[in-house]
Amino acid sequence: QVQLVESGGGLVQAGGSLRLSCAASGSIFALNAMGWHRQAPGKQREFVARFSSGGSADYADSVKGRFTISRDNAKNTVYLQMNSLKPTDTAVYYCNHFATWGQGTQVTVSS
């Protein structure tokens, strides 16, 4: 059974940066099957970033150029580096491995 634990969220001013981590344990098929989503208050969960075939990554248009997904295979950990944060990035951020989701980590960006 796969377990995912996110960390690294917090309160940051607009223009700042945060790095989220997602530590995976259990029967991980492939770290490149993992991705990030987010859910803002009153809104549906939305896609943020994921690894794609060939070693590249896909990003939502709203974060392209500001966010970077990466992984450390030795640590079974996936990261989301978030730069130039905006108040509209405020949300609970979740990592997932297929249908398994972590508990989420809160990111709040103040203006």
PDB file of N, CA and C in Angstrom:
ATOM      1  N   GLN A   1       0.844  -1.186   0.000  1.00  0.00           N
ATOM      2  CA  GLN A   1       0.000   0.000   0.000  1.00  0.00           C
ATOM      3  C   GLN A   1       0.884   1.242   0.000  1.00  0.00           C
ATOM      4  N   VAL A   2       0.554   2.180  -0.862  1.00  0.00           N
ATOM      5  CA  VAL A   2       1.331   3.404  -1.000  1.00  0.00           C
ATOM      6  C   VAL A   2       0.845   4.437   0.005  1.00  0.00           C
ATOM      7  N   GLN A   3       1.792   5.119   0.639  1.00  0.00           N
ATOM      8  CA  GLN A   3       1.463   6.247   1.508  1.00  0.00           C
ATOM      9  C   GLN A   3       2.257   7.460   1.053  1.00  0.00           C
ATOM     10  N   LEU A   4       1.605   8.604   1.047  1.00  0.00           N
ATOM     11  CA  LEU A   4       2.218   9.848   0.604  1.00  0.00           C
ATOM     12  C   LEU A   4       2.083  10.886   1.703  1.00  0.00           C
ATOM     13  N   VAL A   5       3.168  11.577   2.005  1.00  0.00           N
ATOM     14  CA  VAL A   5       3.145  12.603   3.040  1.00  0.00           C
ATOM     15  C   VAL A   5       3.755  13.878   2.480  1.00  0.00           C
ATOM     16  N   GLU A   6       2.928  14.921   2.385  1.00  0.00           N
ATOM     17  CA  GLU A   6       3.401  16.215   1.896  1.00  0.00           C
ATOM     18  C   GLU A   6       3.915  17.065   3.049  1.00  0.00           C
ATOM     19  N   SER A   7       4.833  17.951   2.734  1.00  0.00           N
ATOM     20  CA  SER A   7       5.334  18.924   3.702  1.00  0.00           C
ATOM     21  C   SER A   7       5.886  20.119   2.948  1.00  0.00           C
ATOM     22  N   GLY A   8       6.174  21.177   3.700  1.00  0.00           N
ATOM     23  CA  GLY A   8       6.805  22.340   3.101  1.00  0.00           C
ATOM     24  C   GLY A   8       5.894  23.522   2.868  1.00  0.00           C
ATOM     25  N   GLY A   9       4.601  23.359   3.141  1.00  0.00           N
ATOM     26  CA  GLY A   9       3.694  24.479   2.967  1.00  0.00           C
ATOM     27  C   GLY A   9       3.906  25.549   4.024  1.00  0.00           C
ATOM     28  N   GLY A  10       3.234  26.665   3.852  1.00  0.00           N
ATOM     29  CA  GLY A  10       3.349  27.740   4.826  1.00  0.00           C
ATOM     30  C   GLY A  10       2.796  29.032   4.297  1.00  0.00           C
ATOM     31  N   LEU A  11       3.115  30.114   5.004  1.00  0.00           N
ATOM     32  CA  LEU A  11       2.681  31.451   4.642  1.00  0.00           C
ATOM     33  C   LEU A  11       3.856  32.196   4.029  1.00  0.00           C
ATOM     34  N   VAL A  12       3.642  32.774   2.870  1.00  0.00           N
ATOM     35  CA  VAL A  12       4.712  33.496   2.177  1.00  0.00           C
ATOM     36  C   VAL A  12       4.115  34.732   1.509  1.00  0.00           C
ATOM     37  N   GLN A  13       4.921  35.759   1.366  1.00  0.00           N
ATOM     38  CA  GLN A  13       4.455  36.968   0.673  1.00  0.00           C
ATOM     39  C   GLN A  13       4.497  36.757  -0.834  1.00  0.00           C
ATOM     40  N   ALA A  14       3.673  37.502  -1.524  1.00  0.00           N
ATOM     41  CA  ALA A  14       3.665  37.447  -2.984  1.00  0.00           C
ATOM     42  C   ALA A  14       5.074  37.723  -3.512  1.00  0.00           C
ATOM     43  N   GLY A  15       5.462  36.939  -4.505  1.00  0.00           N
ATOM     44  CA  GLY A  15       6.799  37.044  -5.058  1.00  0.00           C
ATOM     45  C   GLY A  15       7.795  36.101  -4.417  1.00  0.00           C
ATOM     46  N   GLY A  16       7.411  35.496  -3.319  1.00  0.00           N
ATOM     47  CA  GLY A  16       8.298  34.582  -2.616  1.00  0.00           C
ATOM     48  C   GLY A  16       8.297  33.183  -3.185  1.00  0.00           C
ATOM     49  N   SER A  17       9.018  32.293  -2.505  1.00  0.00           N
ATOM     50  CA  SER A  17       9.174  30.920  -2.971  1.00  0.00           C
ATOM     51  C   SER A  17       8.928  29.929  -1.843  1.00  0.00           C
ATOM     52  N   LEU A  18       8.505  28.741  -2.227  1.00  0.00           N
ATOM     53  CA  LEU A  18       8.378  27.617  -1.317  1.00  0.00           C
ATOM     54  C   LEU A  18       8.748  26.353  -2.081  1.00  0.00           C
ATOM     55  N   ARG A  19       9.228  25.354  -1.348  1.00  0.00           N
ATOM     56  CA  ARG A  19       9.451  24.052  -1.954  1.00  0.00           C
ATOM     57  C   ARG A  19       8.658  23.013  -1.181  1.00  0.00           C
ATOM     58  N   LEU A  20       7.742  22.378  -1.867  1.00  0.00           N
ATOM     59  CA  LEU A  20       6.952  21.311  -1.272  1.00  0.00           C
ATOM     60  C   LEU A  20       7.641  19.971  -1.508  1.00  0.00           C
ATOM     61  N   SER A  21       7.481  19.083  -0.539  1.00  0.00           N
ATOM     62  CA  SER A  21       8.016  17.735  -0.660  1.00  0.00           C
ATOM     63  C   SER A  21       6.884  16.730  -0.506  1.00  0.00           C
ATOM     64  N   CYS A  22       7.021  15.599  -1.172  1.00  0.00           N
ATOM     65  CA  CYS A  22       6.064  14.500  -1.044  1.00  0.00           C
ATOM     66  C   CYS A  22       6.882  13.223  -0.891  1.00  0.00           C
ATOM     67  N   ALA A  23       6.901  12.709   0.327  1.00  0.00           N
ATOM     68  CA  ALA A  23       7.641  11.485   0.611  1.00  0.00           C
ATOM     69  C   ALA A  23       6.719  10.291   0.423  1.00  0.00           C
ATOM     70  N   ALA A  24       7.167   9.350  -0.383  1.00  0.00           N
ATOM     71  CA  ALA A  24       6.363   8.175  -0.706  1.00  0.00           C
ATOM     72  C   ALA A  24       6.932   6.933  -0.035  1.00  0.00           C
ATOM     73  N   SER A  25       6.061   6.087   0.450  1.00  0.00           N
ATOM     74  CA  SER A  25       6.474   4.813   1.017  1.00  0.00           C
ATOM     75  C   SER A  25       5.510   3.732   0.554  1.00  0.00           C
ATOM     76  N   GLY A  26       5.957   2.496   0.627  1.00  0.00           N
ATOM     77  CA  GLY A  26       5.121   1.392   0.201  1.00  0.00           C
ATOM     78  C   GLY A  26       5.488   0.938  -1.198  1.00  0.00           C
ATOM     79  N   SER A  27       4.537   0.390  -1.892  1.00  0.00           N
ATOM     80  CA  SER A  27       4.790  -0.196  -3.213  1.00  0.00           C
ATOM     81  C   SER A  27       4.673   0.869  -4.298  1.00  0.00           C
ATOM     82  N   ILE A  28       5.746   1.643  -4.403  1.00  0.00           N
ATOM     83  CA  ILE A  28       5.755   2.687  -5.413  1.00  0.00           C
ATOM     84  C   ILE A  28       6.120   2.080  -6.758  1.00  0.00           C
ATOM     85  N   PHE A  29       5.233   2.146  -7.691  1.00  0.00           N
ATOM     86  CA  PHE A  29       5.510   1.599  -9.019  1.00  0.00           C
ATOM     87  C   PHE A  29       6.547   2.440  -9.722  1.00  0.00           C
ATOM     88  N   ALA A  30       6.363   3.739  -9.691  1.00  0.00           N
ATOM     89  CA  ALA A  30       7.302   4.640 -10.358  1.00  0.00           C
ATOM     90  C   ALA A  30       7.075   6.049  -9.863  1.00  0.00           C
ATOM     91  N   LEU A  31       8.157   6.708  -9.457  1.00  0.00           N
ATOM     92  CA  LEU A  31       8.012   8.085  -9.018  1.00  0.00           C
ATOM     93  C   LEU A  31       7.497   8.961 -10.150  1.00  0.00           C
ATOM     94  N   ASN A  32       7.787   8.588 -11.397  1.00  0.00           N
ATOM     95  CA  ASN A  32       7.330   9.457 -12.475  1.00  0.00           C
ATOM     96  C   ASN A  32       5.845   9.290 -12.743  1.00  0.00           C
ATOM     97  N   ALA A  33       5.171   8.474 -11.915  1.00  0.00           N
ATOM     98  CA  ALA A  33       3.713   8.405 -11.976  1.00  0.00           C
ATOM     99  C   ALA A  33       3.077   9.354 -10.967  1.00  0.00           C
ATOM    100  N   MET A  34       3.896  10.159 -10.324  1.00  0.00           N
ATOM    101  CA  MET A  34       3.383  11.064  -9.300  1.00  0.00           C
ATOM    102  C   MET A  34       3.205  12.473  -9.849  1.00  0.00           C
ATOM    103  N   GLY A  35       2.331  13.208  -9.206  1.00  0.00           N
ATOM    104  CA  GLY A  35       2.085  14.570  -9.635  1.00  0.00           C
ATOM    105  C   GLY A  35       1.559  15.415  -8.484  1.00  0.00           C
ATOM    106  N   TRP A  36       1.286  16.676  -8.801  1.00  0.00           N
ATOM    107  CA  TRP A  36       0.757  17.629  -7.820  1.00  0.00           C
ATOM    108  C   TRP A  36      -0.551  18.228  -8.314  1.00  0.00           C
ATOM    109  N   HIS A  37      -1.470  18.392  -7.391  1.00  0.00           N
ATOM    110  CA  HIS A  37      -2.720  19.094  -7.630  1.00  0.00           C
ATOM    111  C   HIS A  37      -2.911  20.085  -6.498  1.00  0.00           C
ATOM    112  N   ARG A  38      -3.884  20.963  -6.638  1.00  0.00           N
ATOM    113  CA  ARG A  38      -4.190  21.900  -5.559  1.00  0.00           C
ATOM    114  C   ARG A  38      -5.688  22.174  -5.523  1.00  0.00           C
ATOM    115  N   GLN A  39      -6.147  22.591  -4.358  1.00  0.00           N
ATOM    116  CA  GLN A  39      -7.554  22.930  -4.196  1.00  0.00           C
ATOM    117  C   GLN A  39      -7.668  24.194  -3.367  1.00  0.00           C
ATOM    118  N   ALA A  40      -8.189  25.236  -3.996  1.00  0.00           N
ATOM    119  CA  ALA A  40      -8.422  26.499  -3.311  1.00  0.00           C
ATOM    120  C   ALA A  40      -9.798  26.465  -2.650  1.00  0.00           C
ATOM    121  N   PRO A  41     -10.010  27.295  -1.626  1.00  0.00           N
ATOM    122  CA  PRO A  41     -11.309  27.308  -0.947  1.00  0.00           C
ATOM    123  C   PRO A  41     -12.453  27.555  -1.920  1.00  0.00           C
ATOM    124  N   GLY A  42     -13.458  26.697  -1.846  1.00  0.00           N
ATOM    125  CA  GLY A  42     -14.632  26.859  -2.684  1.00  0.00           C
ATOM    126  C   GLY A  42     -14.457  26.451  -4.131  1.00  0.00           C
ATOM    127  N   LYS A  43     -13.296  25.878  -4.451  1.00  0.00           N
ATOM    128  CA  LYS A  43     -13.041  25.488  -5.839  1.00  0.00           C
ATOM    129  C   LYS A  43     -12.733  23.997  -5.924  1.00  0.00           C
ATOM    130  N   GLN A  44     -12.818  23.483  -7.140  1.00  0.00           N
ATOM    131  CA  GLN A  44     -12.494  22.077  -7.353  1.00  0.00           C
ATOM    132  C   GLN A  44     -10.978  21.877  -7.364  1.00  0.00           C
ATOM    133  N   ARG A  45     -10.576  20.652  -7.063  1.00  0.00           N
ATOM    134  CA  ARG A  45      -9.162  20.321  -7.134  1.00  0.00           C
ATOM    135  C   ARG A  45      -8.708  20.440  -8.588  1.00  0.00           C
ATOM    136  N   GLU A  46      -7.535  21.024  -8.803  1.00  0.00           N
ATOM    137  CA  GLU A  46      -7.040  21.209 -10.154  1.00  0.00           C
ATOM    138  C   GLU A  46      -5.605  20.705 -10.287  1.00  0.00           C
ATOM    139  N   PHE A  47      -5.292  20.311 -11.494  1.00  0.00           N
ATOM    140  CA  PHE A  47      -3.965  19.812 -11.825  1.00  0.00           C
ATOM    141  C   PHE A  47      -2.944  20.942 -11.743  1.00  0.00           C
ATOM    142  N   VAL A  48      -1.751  20.616 -11.240  1.00  0.00           N
ATOM    143  CA  VAL A  48      -0.661  21.592 -11.183  1.00  0.00           C
ATOM    144  C   VAL A  48       0.535  21.123 -12.022  1.00  0.00           C
ATOM    145  N   ALA A  49       1.032  19.923 -11.738  1.00  0.00           N
ATOM    146  CA  ALA A  49       2.233  19.459 -12.436  1.00  0.00           C
ATOM    147  C   ALA A  49       2.332  17.940 -12.345  1.00  0.00           C
ATOM    148  N   ARG A  50       2.995  17.353 -13.336  1.00  0.00           N
ATOM    149  CA  ARG A  50       3.251  15.909 -13.311  1.00  0.00           C
ATOM    150  C   ARG A  50       4.418  15.620 -14.241  1.00  0.00           C
ATOM    151  N   PHE A  51       5.007  14.466 -14.047  1.00  0.00           N
ATOM    152  CA  PHE A  51       6.053  14.033 -14.951  1.00  0.00           C
ATOM    153  C   PHE A  51       5.400  13.468 -16.207  1.00  0.00           C
ATOM    154  N   SER A  52       6.029  13.686 -17.321  1.00  0.00           N
ATOM    155  CA  SER A  52       5.524  13.122 -18.562  1.00  0.00           C
ATOM    156  C   SER A  52       6.572  12.186 -19.145  1.00  0.00           C
ATOM    157  N   SER A  53       6.190  11.506 -20.210  1.00  0.00           N
ATOM    158  CA  SER A  53       7.102  10.541 -20.821  1.00  0.00           C
ATOM    159  C   SER A  53       8.319  11.255 -21.387  1.00  0.00           C
ATOM    160  N   GLY A  54       9.412  10.561 -21.410  1.00  0.00           N
ATOM    161  CA  GLY A  54      10.628  11.137 -21.957  1.00  0.00           C
ATOM    162  C   GLY A  54      11.409  11.974 -20.977  1.00  0.00           C
ATOM    163  N   GLY A  55      10.949  11.984 -19.705  1.00  0.00           N
ATOM    164  CA  GLY A  55      11.704  12.703 -18.697  1.00  0.00           C
ATOM    165  C   GLY A  55      11.340  14.164 -18.549  1.00  0.00           C
ATOM    166  N   SER A  56      10.355  14.619 -19.291  1.00  0.00           N
ATOM    167  CA  SER A  56       9.948  16.024 -19.150  1.00  0.00           C
ATOM    168  C   SER A  56       8.772  16.115 -18.185  1.00  0.00           C
ATOM    169  N   ALA A  57       8.125  17.247 -18.149  1.00  0.00           N
ATOM    170  CA  ALA A  57       7.030  17.461 -17.217  1.00  0.00           C
ATOM    171  C   ALA A  57       5.951  18.310 -17.866  1.00  0.00           C
ATOM    172  N   ASP A  58       4.739  18.144 -17.370  1.00  0.00           N
ATOM    173  CA  ASP A  58       3.602  18.946 -17.801  1.00  0.00           C
ATOM    174  C   ASP A  58       3.188  19.866 -16.660  1.00  0.00           C
ATOM    175  N   TYR A  59       2.774  21.064 -17.006  1.00  0.00           N
ATOM    176  CA  TYR A  59       2.360  22.045 -16.009  1.00  0.00           C
ATOM    177  C   TYR A  59       1.055  22.704 -16.429  1.00  0.00           C
ATOM    178  N   ALA A  60       0.275  23.092 -15.436  1.00  0.00           N
ATOM    179  CA  ALA A  60      -0.893  23.918 -15.717  1.00  0.00           C
ATOM    180  C   ALA A  60      -0.408  25.263 -16.255  1.00  0.00           C
ATOM    181  N   ASP A  61      -1.184  25.846 -17.140  1.00  0.00           N
ATOM    182  CA  ASP A  61      -0.795  27.128 -17.726  1.00  0.00           C
ATOM    183  C   ASP A  61      -0.569  28.191 -16.646  1.00  0.00           C
ATOM    184  N   SER A  62      -1.328  28.109 -15.574  1.00  0.00           N
ATOM    185  CA  SER A  62      -1.258  29.135 -14.533  1.00  0.00           C
ATOM    186  C   SER A  62       0.058  29.107 -13.757  1.00  0.00           C
ATOM    187  N   VAL A  63       0.797  27.987 -13.827  1.00  0.00           N
ATOM    188  CA  VAL A  63       2.049  27.889 -13.057  1.00  0.00           C
ATOM    189  C   VAL A  63       3.272  27.720 -13.954  1.00  0.00           C
ATOM    190  N   LYS A  64       3.046  27.586 -15.241  1.00  0.00           N
ATOM    191  CA  LYS A  64       4.153  27.342 -16.167  1.00  0.00           C
ATOM    192  C   LYS A  64       5.166  28.473 -16.076  1.00  0.00           C
ATOM    193  N   GLY A  65       6.431  28.094 -15.973  1.00  0.00           N
ATOM    194  CA  GLY A  65       7.494  29.088 -15.873  1.00  0.00           C
ATOM    195  C   GLY A  65       7.800  29.516 -14.449  1.00  0.00           C
ATOM    196  N   ARG A  66       6.931  29.142 -13.508  1.00  0.00           N
ATOM    197  CA  ARG A  66       7.139  29.524 -12.107  1.00  0.00           C
ATOM    198  C   ARG A  66       7.359  28.304 -11.208  1.00  0.00           C
ATOM    199  N   PHE A  67       6.717  27.186 -11.540  1.00  0.00           N
ATOM    200  CA  PHE A  67       6.803  25.979 -10.730  1.00  0.00           C
ATOM    201  C   PHE A  67       7.634  24.929 -11.460  1.00  0.00           C
ATOM    202  N   THR A  68       8.341  24.104 -10.684  1.00  0.00           N
ATOM    203  CA  THR A  68       9.140  23.017 -11.249  1.00  0.00           C
ATOM    204  C   THR A  68       8.959  21.759 -10.415  1.00  0.00           C
ATOM    205  N   ILE A  69       8.592  20.680 -11.080  1.00  0.00           N
ATOM    206  CA  ILE A  69       8.474  19.386 -10.405  1.00  0.00           C
ATOM    207  C   ILE A  69       9.777  18.616 -10.590  1.00  0.00           C
ATOM    208  N   SER A  70      10.217  17.940  -9.539  1.00  0.00           N
ATOM    209  CA  SER A  70      11.442  17.153  -9.619  1.00  0.00           C
ATOM    210  C   SER A  70      11.328  15.965  -8.667  1.00  0.00           C
ATOM    211  N   ARG A  71      12.291  15.075  -8.726  1.00  0.00           N
ATOM    212  CA  ARG A  71      12.218  13.890  -7.861  1.00  0.00           C
ATOM    213  C   ARG A  71      13.613  13.450  -7.463  1.00  0.00           C
ATOM    214  N   ASP A  72      13.658  12.775  -6.319  1.00  0.00           N
ATOM    215  CA  ASP A  72      14.883  12.147  -5.839  1.00  0.00           C
ATOM    216  C   ASP A  72      14.550  10.668  -5.662  1.00  0.00           C
ATOM    217  N   ASN A  73      14.974   9.865  -6.606  1.00  0.00           N
ATOM    218  CA  ASN A  73      14.619   8.441  -6.584  1.00  0.00           C
ATOM    219  C   ASN A  73      15.164   7.737  -5.349  1.00  0.00           C
ATOM    220  N   ALA A  74      16.335   8.136  -4.904  1.00  0.00           N
ATOM    221  CA  ALA A  74      16.947   7.486  -3.744  1.00  0.00           C
ATOM    222  C   ALA A  74      16.140   7.735  -2.475  1.00  0.00           C
ATOM    223  N   LYS A  75      15.472   8.877  -2.425  1.00  0.00           N
ATOM    224  CA  LYS A  75      14.678   9.227  -1.241  1.00  0.00           C
ATOM    225  C   LYS A  75      13.194   8.960  -1.442  1.00  0.00           C
ATOM    226  N   ASN A  76      12.820   8.450  -2.605  1.00  0.00           N
ATOM    227  CA  ASN A  76      11.395   8.241  -2.902  1.00  0.00           C
ATOM    228  C   ASN A  76      10.582   9.515  -2.637  1.00  0.00           C
ATOM    229  N   THR A  77      11.118  10.615  -3.077  1.00  0.00           N
ATOM    230  CA  THR A  77      10.504  11.912  -2.782  1.00  0.00           C
ATOM    231  C   THR A  77      10.354  12.731  -4.061  1.00  0.00           C
ATOM    232  N   VAL A  78       9.207  13.365  -4.179  1.00  0.00           N
ATOM    233  CA  VAL A  78       8.932  14.273  -5.287  1.00  0.00           C
ATOM    234  C   VAL A  78       8.806  15.681  -4.715  1.00  0.00           C
ATOM    235  N   TYR A  79       9.296  16.653  -5.452  1.00  0.00           N
ATOM    236  CA  TYR A  79       9.295  18.035  -4.985  1.00  0.00           C
ATOM    237  C   TYR A  79       8.495  18.923  -5.940  1.00  0.00           C
ATOM    238  N   LEU A  80       8.042  20.038  -5.413  1.00  0.00           N
ATOM    239  CA  LEU A  80       7.450  21.087  -6.236  1.00  0.00           C
ATOM    240  C   LEU A  80       8.068  22.404  -5.795  1.00  0.00           C
ATOM    241  N   GLN A  81       8.968  22.919  -6.611  1.00  0.00           N
ATOM    242  CA  GLN A  81       9.567  24.227  -6.351  1.00  0.00           C
ATOM    243  C   GLN A  81       8.652  25.294  -6.905  1.00  0.00           C
ATOM    244  N   MET A  82       8.222  26.203  -6.053  1.00  0.00           N
ATOM    245  CA  MET A  82       7.274  27.238  -6.447  1.00  0.00           C
ATOM    246  C   MET A  82       7.931  28.604  -6.271  1.00  0.00           C
ATOM    247  N   ASN A  83       8.110  29.306  -7.362  1.00  0.00           N
ATOM    248  CA  ASN A  83       8.719  30.641  -7.350  1.00  0.00           C
ATOM    249  C   ASN A  83       7.707  31.680  -7.805  1.00  0.00           C
ATOM    250  N   SER A  84       8.018  32.933  -7.530  1.00  0.00           N
ATOM    251  CA  SER A  84       7.151  34.052  -7.947  1.00  0.00           C
ATOM    252  C   SER A  84       5.700  33.786  -7.560  1.00  0.00           C
ATOM    253  N   LEU A  85       5.510  33.398  -6.329  1.00  0.00           N
ATOM    254  CA  LEU A  85       4.172  33.024  -5.879  1.00  0.00           C
ATOM    255  C   LEU A  85       3.211  34.204  -5.899  1.00  0.00           C
ATOM    256  N   LYS A  86       1.957  33.893  -6.199  1.00  0.00           N
ATOM    257  CA  LYS A  86       0.892  34.886  -6.283  1.00  0.00           C
ATOM    258  C   LYS A  86      -0.208  34.519  -5.279  1.00  0.00           C
ATOM    259  N   PRO A  87      -0.989  35.505  -4.869  1.00  0.00           N
ATOM    260  CA  PRO A  87      -2.107  35.181  -3.966  1.00  0.00           C
ATOM    261  C   PRO A  87      -3.045  34.122  -4.550  1.00  0.00           C
ATOM    262  N   THR A  88      -3.156  34.080  -5.864  1.00  0.00           N
ATOM    263  CA  THR A  88      -4.018  33.086  -6.513  1.00  0.00           C
ATOM    264  C   THR A  88      -3.457  31.669  -6.413  1.00  0.00           C
ATOM    265  N   ASP A  89      -2.211  31.535  -5.934  1.00  0.00           N
ATOM    266  CA  ASP A  89      -1.644  30.199  -5.714  1.00  0.00           C
ATOM    267  C   ASP A  89      -2.049  29.627  -4.356  1.00  0.00           C
ATOM    268  N   THR A  90      -2.723  30.428  -3.544  1.00  0.00           N
ATOM    269  CA  THR A  90      -3.174  29.963  -2.234  1.00  0.00           C
ATOM    270  C   THR A  90      -4.114  28.776  -2.386  1.00  0.00           C
ATOM    271  N   ALA A  91      -3.762  27.666  -1.737  1.00  0.00           N
ATOM    272  CA  ALA A  91      -4.543  26.434  -1.854  1.00  0.00           C
ATOM    273  C   ALA A  91      -3.923  25.366  -0.958  1.00  0.00           C
ATOM    274  N   VAL A  92      -4.636  24.279  -0.819  1.00  0.00           N
ATOM    275  CA  VAL A  92      -4.047  23.072  -0.246  1.00  0.00           C
ATOM    276  C   VAL A  92      -3.452  22.279  -1.407  1.00  0.00           C
ATOM    277  N   TYR A  93      -2.195  21.923  -1.283  1.00  0.00           N
ATOM    278  CA  TYR A  93      -1.493  21.215  -2.343  1.00  0.00           C
ATOM    279  C   TYR A  93      -1.385  19.732  -1.981  1.00  0.00           C
ATOM    280  N   TYR A  94      -1.730  18.897  -2.959  1.00  0.00           N
ATOM    281  CA  TYR A  94      -1.733  17.455  -2.766  1.00  0.00           C
ATOM    282  C   TYR A  94      -0.814  16.787  -3.789  1.00  0.00           C
ATOM    283  N   CYS A  95      -0.104  15.778  -3.357  1.00  0.00           N
ATOM    284  CA  CYS A  95       0.584  14.931  -4.324  1.00  0.00           C
ATOM    285  C   CYS A  95      -0.225  13.643  -4.476  1.00  0.00           C
ATOM    286  N   ASN A  96      -0.054  13.007  -5.607  1.00  0.00           N
ATOM    287  CA  ASN A  96      -0.759  11.753  -5.836  1.00  0.00           C
ATOM    288  C   ASN A  96       0.120  10.771  -6.597  1.00  0.00           C
ATOM    289  N   HIS A  97      -0.166   9.515  -6.384  1.00  0.00           N
ATOM    290  CA  HIS A  97       0.453   8.409  -7.128  1.00  0.00           C
ATOM    291  C   HIS A  97      -0.720   7.563  -7.609  1.00  0.00           C
ATOM    292  N   PHE A  98      -1.046   7.703  -8.852  1.00  0.00           N
ATOM    293  CA  PHE A  98      -2.266   7.116  -9.413  1.00  0.00           C
ATOM    294  C   PHE A  98      -3.453   7.548  -8.555  1.00  0.00           C
ATOM    295  N   ALA A  99      -4.155   6.630  -7.928  1.00  0.00           N
ATOM    296  CA  ALA A  99      -5.360   6.978  -7.172  1.00  0.00           C
ATOM    297  C   ALA A  99      -5.094   7.237  -5.695  1.00  0.00           C
ATOM    298  N   THR A 100      -3.847   7.217  -5.286  1.00  0.00           N
ATOM    299  CA  THR A 100      -3.501   7.456  -3.879  1.00  0.00           C
ATOM    300  C   THR A 100      -3.109   8.910  -3.696  1.00  0.00           C
ATOM    301  N   TRP A 101      -3.666   9.529  -2.656  1.00  0.00           N
ATOM    302  CA  TRP A 101      -3.422  10.952  -2.408  1.00  0.00           C
ATOM    303  C   TRP A 101      -2.846  11.147  -1.014  1.00  0.00           C
ATOM    304  N   GLY A 102      -2.019  12.176  -0.864  1.00  0.00           N
ATOM    305  CA  GLY A 102      -1.556  12.562   0.453  1.00  0.00           C
ATOM    306  C   GLY A 102      -2.612  13.386   1.173  1.00  0.00           C
ATOM    307  N   GLN A 103      -2.255  13.839   2.371  1.00  0.00           N
ATOM    308  CA  GLN A 103      -3.212  14.596   3.186  1.00  0.00           C
ATOM    309  C   GLN A 103      -3.245  16.077   2.819  1.00  0.00           C
ATOM    310  N   GLY A 104      -2.271  16.507   2.063  1.00  0.00           N
ATOM    311  CA  GLY A 104      -2.226  17.895   1.621  1.00  0.00           C
ATOM    312  C   GLY A 104      -1.405  18.780   2.537  1.00  0.00           C
ATOM    313  N   THR A 105      -0.904  19.867   1.978  1.00  0.00           N
ATOM    314  CA  THR A 105      -0.173  20.872   2.750  1.00  0.00           C
ATOM    315  C   THR A 105      -0.653  22.251   2.310  1.00  0.00           C
ATOM    316  N   GLN A 106      -0.914  23.113   3.277  1.00  0.00           N
ATOM    317  CA  GLN A 106      -1.493  24.420   3.002  1.00  0.00           C
ATOM    318  C   GLN A 106      -0.427  25.414   2.556  1.00  0.00           C
ATOM    319  N   VAL A 107      -0.713  26.080   1.470  1.00  0.00           N
ATOM    320  CA  VAL A 107       0.128  27.178   0.982  1.00  0.00           C
ATOM    321  C   VAL A 107      -0.732  28.443   0.970  1.00  0.00           C
ATOM    322  N   THR A 108      -0.268  29.465   1.657  1.00  0.00           N
ATOM    323  CA  THR A 108      -0.970  30.737   1.702  1.00  0.00           C
ATOM    324  C   THR A 108      -0.029  31.833   1.245  1.00  0.00           C
ATOM    325  N   VAL A 109      -0.449  32.573   0.229  1.00  0.00           N
ATOM    326  CA  VAL A 109       0.362  33.652  -0.322  1.00  0.00           C
ATOM    327  C   VAL A 109      -0.347  34.972  -0.032  1.00  0.00           C
ATOM    328  N   SER A 110       0.307  35.819   0.719  1.00  0.00           N
ATOM    329  CA  SER A 110      -0.284  37.108   1.077  1.00  0.00           C
ATOM    330  C   SER A 110       0.137  38.182   0.081  1.00  0.00           C
ATOM    331  N   SER A 111      -0.759  39.142  -0.108  1.00  0.00           N
ATOM    332  CA  SER A 111      -0.468  40.210  -1.077  1.00  0.00           C
ATOM    333  C   SER A 111       0.260  41.379  -0.425  1.00  0.00           C
TER     334      SER A 111
END
